[in-house]
Amino acid sequence: MPRNWQPGQELEVAQCQADLVCFGLEHKLIYSSGFIKIHQKSKKLIVPNYFNPLIRKNTAVYFFVDKKKLHNVKIFKGDGDQDRPN
């Protein structure tokens, strides 16, 4: 995502190269790497999780963790086979 991107601005496919779904990292580190936060209910920017068939929708990613160990938890969404809803 280009650093100067604004909501509502069209993007070329080549400009949008990566998405990151994570938990437990400092926001400063993520933003300084060029990522921006996208809210699940956003209609201005869609970052789909499913591509076969393509579902043009932001989707929530849920996880469970023991609250006693929360300060040590780092979670990243991997690709695996999540690109299909079936």
N, C-alpha and C. Protein backbone atom coordinates (compact mmCIF):
# COMPACT_ATOMS: atom_id res chain seq x y z
N MET A 1 0.85 -1.18 0.00
CA MET A 1 0.00 0.00 0.00
C MET A 1 0.89 1.24 0.00
N PRO A 2 0.71 2.12 -0.93
CA PRO A 2 1.51 3.35 -0.94
C PRO A 2 1.28 4.17 0.32
N ARG A 3 2.33 4.77 0.86
CA ARG A 3 2.20 5.55 2.09
C ARG A 3 1.26 6.74 1.94
N ASN A 4 1.13 7.28 0.74
CA ASN A 4 0.29 8.47 0.56
C ASN A 4 -1.12 8.12 0.09
N TRP A 5 -1.53 6.85 0.23
CA TRP A 5 -2.87 6.44 -0.18
C TRP A 5 -3.93 7.11 0.69
N GLN A 6 -5.02 7.51 0.09
CA GLN A 6 -6.14 8.14 0.79
C GLN A 6 -7.40 7.32 0.54
N PRO A 7 -8.29 7.20 1.56
CA PRO A 7 -9.54 6.45 1.35
C PRO A 7 -10.29 6.98 0.13
N GLY A 8 -10.81 6.06 -0.67
CA GLY A 8 -11.54 6.43 -1.86
C GLY A 8 -10.67 6.52 -3.10
N GLN A 9 -9.36 6.54 -2.93
CA GLN A 9 -8.43 6.64 -4.06
C GLN A 9 -8.28 5.26 -4.70
N GLU A 10 -8.32 5.22 -6.04
CA GLU A 10 -8.15 3.96 -6.76
C GLU A 10 -6.70 3.49 -6.66
N LEU A 11 -6.52 2.19 -6.62
CA LEU A 11 -5.17 1.62 -6.58
C LEU A 11 -4.97 0.70 -7.77
N GLU A 12 -3.77 0.69 -8.30
CA GLU A 12 -3.41 -0.29 -9.31
C GLU A 12 -3.09 -1.58 -8.58
N VAL A 13 -3.31 -2.71 -9.22
CA VAL A 13 -3.02 -4.00 -8.59
C VAL A 13 -1.57 -4.08 -8.14
N ALA A 14 -0.65 -3.56 -8.92
CA ALA A 14 0.77 -3.63 -8.57
C ALA A 14 1.10 -2.83 -7.32
N GLN A 15 0.28 -1.85 -6.96
CA GLN A 15 0.54 -1.04 -5.77
C GLN A 15 0.16 -1.76 -4.49
N CYS A 16 -0.73 -2.68 -4.56
CA CYS A 16 -1.25 -3.35 -3.37
C CYS A 16 -0.64 -4.75 -3.31
N GLN A 17 0.46 -4.89 -2.60
CA GLN A 17 1.21 -6.13 -2.68
C GLN A 17 1.15 -7.01 -1.44
N ALA A 18 0.76 -6.49 -0.28
CA ALA A 18 0.81 -7.30 0.93
C ALA A 18 -0.25 -6.85 1.93
N ASP A 19 -0.75 -7.81 2.66
CA ASP A 19 -1.58 -7.48 3.81
C ASP A 19 -0.99 -8.22 5.02
N LEU A 20 -1.26 -7.71 6.18
CA LEU A 20 -0.70 -8.28 7.40
C LEU A 20 -1.81 -8.32 8.44
N VAL A 21 -2.12 -9.50 8.91
CA VAL A 21 -3.07 -9.67 10.01
C VAL A 21 -2.27 -10.22 11.17
N CYS A 22 -2.20 -9.43 12.25
CA CYS A 22 -1.36 -9.86 13.37
C CYS A 22 -1.93 -9.33 14.69
N PHE A 23 -1.39 -9.86 15.78
CA PHE A 23 -1.74 -9.44 17.13
C PHE A 23 -0.47 -9.50 17.97
N GLY A 24 -0.27 -8.49 18.81
CA GLY A 24 0.85 -8.52 19.74
C GLY A 24 2.06 -7.72 19.33
N LEU A 25 1.99 -7.04 18.19
CA LEU A 25 3.10 -6.18 17.77
C LEU A 25 2.78 -4.74 18.11
N GLU A 26 3.81 -3.95 18.33
CA GLU A 26 3.61 -2.53 18.60
C GLU A 26 3.11 -1.84 17.33
N HIS A 27 2.09 -1.00 17.47
CA HIS A 27 1.53 -0.28 16.32
C HIS A 27 2.60 0.53 15.60
N LYS A 28 3.51 1.13 16.35
CA LYS A 28 4.57 1.95 15.75
C LYS A 28 5.40 1.13 14.76
N LEU A 29 5.72 -0.10 15.10
CA LEU A 29 6.50 -0.97 14.22
C LEU A 29 5.74 -1.27 12.93
N ILE A 30 4.45 -1.54 13.05
CA ILE A 30 3.63 -1.87 11.87
C ILE A 30 3.50 -0.66 10.96
N TYR A 31 3.16 0.51 11.53
CA TYR A 31 2.99 1.72 10.73
C TYR A 31 4.29 2.17 10.09
N SER A 32 5.40 2.03 10.80
CA SER A 32 6.69 2.43 10.23
C SER A 32 7.12 1.51 9.08
N SER A 33 6.50 0.35 8.99
CA SER A 33 6.78 -0.58 7.89
C SER A 33 5.92 -0.30 6.67
N GLY A 34 5.03 0.71 6.78
CA GLY A 34 4.22 1.10 5.63
C GLY A 34 2.80 0.56 5.63
N PHE A 35 2.42 -0.20 6.65
CA PHE A 35 1.07 -0.73 6.72
C PHE A 35 0.13 0.29 7.33
N ILE A 36 -1.15 0.21 6.99
CA ILE A 36 -2.17 1.05 7.59
C ILE A 36 -3.24 0.15 8.18
N LYS A 37 -3.98 0.66 9.15
CA LYS A 37 -5.04 -0.12 9.77
C LYS A 37 -6.31 -0.01 8.92
N ILE A 38 -6.95 -1.15 8.70
CA ILE A 38 -8.20 -1.19 7.96
C ILE A 38 -9.25 -1.82 8.86
N HIS A 39 -10.33 -1.12 9.04
CA HIS A 39 -11.40 -1.65 9.89
C HIS A 39 -12.25 -2.64 9.11
N GLN A 40 -12.69 -3.67 9.80
CA GLN A 40 -13.46 -4.74 9.17
C GLN A 40 -14.69 -4.22 8.43
N LYS A 41 -15.33 -3.19 8.94
CA LYS A 41 -16.55 -2.67 8.33
C LYS A 41 -16.29 -1.60 7.28
N SER A 42 -15.03 -1.36 6.96
CA SER A 42 -14.69 -0.34 5.96
C SER A 42 -15.25 -0.70 4.59
N LYS A 43 -15.85 0.28 3.95
CA LYS A 43 -16.33 0.09 2.59
C LYS A 43 -15.44 0.87 1.61
N LYS A 44 -14.51 1.67 2.15
CA LYS A 44 -13.62 2.47 1.31
C LYS A 44 -12.44 1.66 0.79
N LEU A 45 -11.99 0.68 1.57
CA LEU A 45 -10.88 -0.17 1.15
C LEU A 45 -11.20 -1.60 1.52
N ILE A 46 -11.21 -2.48 0.55
CA ILE A 46 -11.49 -3.88 0.77
C ILE A 46 -10.21 -4.67 0.58
N VAL A 47 -9.86 -5.48 1.56
CA VAL A 47 -8.72 -6.39 1.47
C VAL A 47 -9.30 -7.79 1.67
N PRO A 48 -9.63 -8.48 0.58
CA PRO A 48 -10.31 -9.77 0.71
C PRO A 48 -9.41 -10.86 1.27
N ASN A 49 -10.03 -11.81 1.96
CA ASN A 49 -9.35 -13.01 2.43
C ASN A 49 -9.60 -14.20 1.51
N TYR A 50 -10.69 -14.16 0.78
CA TYR A 50 -11.07 -15.29 -0.07
C TYR A 50 -10.97 -14.89 -1.54
N PHE A 51 -10.30 -15.74 -2.33
CA PHE A 51 -10.05 -15.41 -3.73
C PHE A 51 -10.61 -16.43 -4.71
N ASN A 52 -11.10 -17.55 -4.24
CA ASN A 52 -11.61 -18.57 -5.14
C ASN A 52 -12.85 -19.22 -4.58
N PRO A 53 -14.03 -18.66 -4.77
CA PRO A 53 -14.34 -17.48 -5.55
C PRO A 53 -13.98 -16.20 -4.78
N LEU A 54 -13.78 -15.11 -5.50
CA LEU A 54 -13.44 -13.83 -4.89
C LEU A 54 -14.63 -13.29 -4.11
N ILE A 55 -14.43 -13.00 -2.84
CA ILE A 55 -15.45 -12.38 -2.00
C ILE A 55 -14.93 -11.01 -1.63
N ARG A 56 -15.52 -9.98 -2.24
CA ARG A 56 -15.08 -8.59 -2.02
C ARG A 56 -15.63 -8.07 -0.70
N LYS A 57 -14.94 -8.45 0.38
CA LYS A 57 -15.42 -8.11 1.71
C LYS A 57 -14.26 -8.24 2.70
N ASN A 58 -14.18 -7.30 3.64
CA ASN A 58 -13.23 -7.44 4.74
C ASN A 58 -13.84 -8.42 5.74
N THR A 59 -13.07 -9.37 6.20
CA THR A 59 -13.58 -10.36 7.14
C THR A 59 -12.79 -10.33 8.43
N ALA A 60 -13.46 -10.63 9.53
CA ALA A 60 -12.81 -10.66 10.84
C ALA A 60 -12.01 -11.96 10.97
N VAL A 61 -10.95 -11.89 11.75
CA VAL A 61 -10.15 -13.07 12.06
C VAL A 61 -10.18 -13.21 13.57
N TYR A 62 -10.69 -14.33 14.05
CA TYR A 62 -10.83 -14.56 15.49
C TYR A 62 -9.77 -15.52 15.99
N PHE A 63 -9.41 -15.38 17.27
CA PHE A 63 -8.48 -16.31 17.89
C PHE A 63 -8.78 -16.39 19.38
N PHE A 64 -8.23 -17.38 20.03
CA PHE A 64 -8.40 -17.58 21.47
C PHE A 64 -7.01 -17.70 22.10
N VAL A 65 -6.87 -17.08 23.28
CA VAL A 65 -5.59 -17.16 23.98
C VAL A 65 -5.85 -17.04 25.49
N ASP A 66 -5.02 -17.65 26.27
CA ASP A 66 -5.11 -17.57 27.74
C ASP A 66 -4.72 -16.15 28.16
N LYS A 67 -5.63 -15.43 28.83
CA LYS A 67 -5.37 -14.04 29.23
C LYS A 67 -4.15 -13.91 30.13
N LYS A 68 -3.80 -14.94 30.87
CA LYS A 68 -2.64 -14.88 31.77
C LYS A 68 -1.33 -14.79 30.98
N LYS A 69 -1.35 -15.25 29.73
CA LYS A 69 -0.13 -15.25 28.92
C LYS A 69 -0.21 -14.24 27.78
N LEU A 70 -1.16 -13.35 27.83
CA LEU A 70 -1.42 -12.41 26.74
C LEU A 70 -0.22 -11.52 26.42
N HIS A 71 0.56 -11.12 27.42
CA HIS A 71 1.68 -10.22 27.20
C HIS A 71 2.80 -10.85 26.35
N ASN A 72 2.83 -12.16 26.26
CA ASN A 72 3.86 -12.85 25.47
C ASN A 72 3.36 -13.31 24.10
N VAL A 73 2.10 -13.08 23.78
CA VAL A 73 1.50 -13.65 22.58
C VAL A 73 1.77 -12.79 21.35
N LYS A 74 2.20 -13.43 20.29
CA LYS A 74 2.35 -12.82 18.96
C LYS A 74 1.64 -13.76 17.99
N ILE A 75 0.69 -13.23 17.24
CA ILE A 75 -0.08 -14.05 16.30
C ILE A 75 -0.03 -13.40 14.92
N PHE A 76 0.19 -14.24 13.90
CA PHE A 76 0.16 -13.81 12.51
C PHE A 76 -0.74 -14.75 11.73
N LYS A 77 -1.57 -14.19 10.85
CA LYS A 77 -2.40 -15.03 10.00
C LYS A 77 -1.54 -15.53 8.85
N GLY A 78 -1.48 -16.83 8.69
CA GLY A 78 -0.77 -17.42 7.57
C GLY A 78 -1.72 -17.62 6.41
N ASP A 79 -1.17 -17.88 5.26
CA ASP A 79 -2.00 -18.07 4.07
C ASP A 79 -2.67 -19.43 4.09
N GLY A 80 -1.91 -20.49 4.27
CA GLY A 80 -2.46 -21.82 4.29
C GLY A 80 -3.45 -22.03 3.16
N ASP A 81 -4.63 -22.46 3.49
CA ASP A 81 -5.67 -22.69 2.50
C ASP A 81 -6.84 -21.75 2.76
N GLN A 82 -6.59 -20.62 3.38
CA GLN A 82 -7.66 -19.68 3.75
C GLN A 82 -8.19 -18.88 2.58
N ASP A 83 -7.61 -19.02 1.42
CA ASP A 83 -8.08 -18.20 0.30
C ASP A 83 -9.39 -18.73 -0.29
N ARG A 84 -9.87 -19.86 0.22
CA ARG A 84 -11.16 -20.41 -0.23
C ARG A 84 -12.08 -20.58 0.97
N PRO A 85 -13.34 -20.20 0.86
CA PRO A 85 -14.25 -20.31 2.00
C PRO A 85 -14.74 -21.73 2.28
N ASN A 86 -14.49 -22.70 1.40
CA ASN A 86 -15.01 -24.05 1.60
C ASN A 86 -14.09 -24.95 2.39
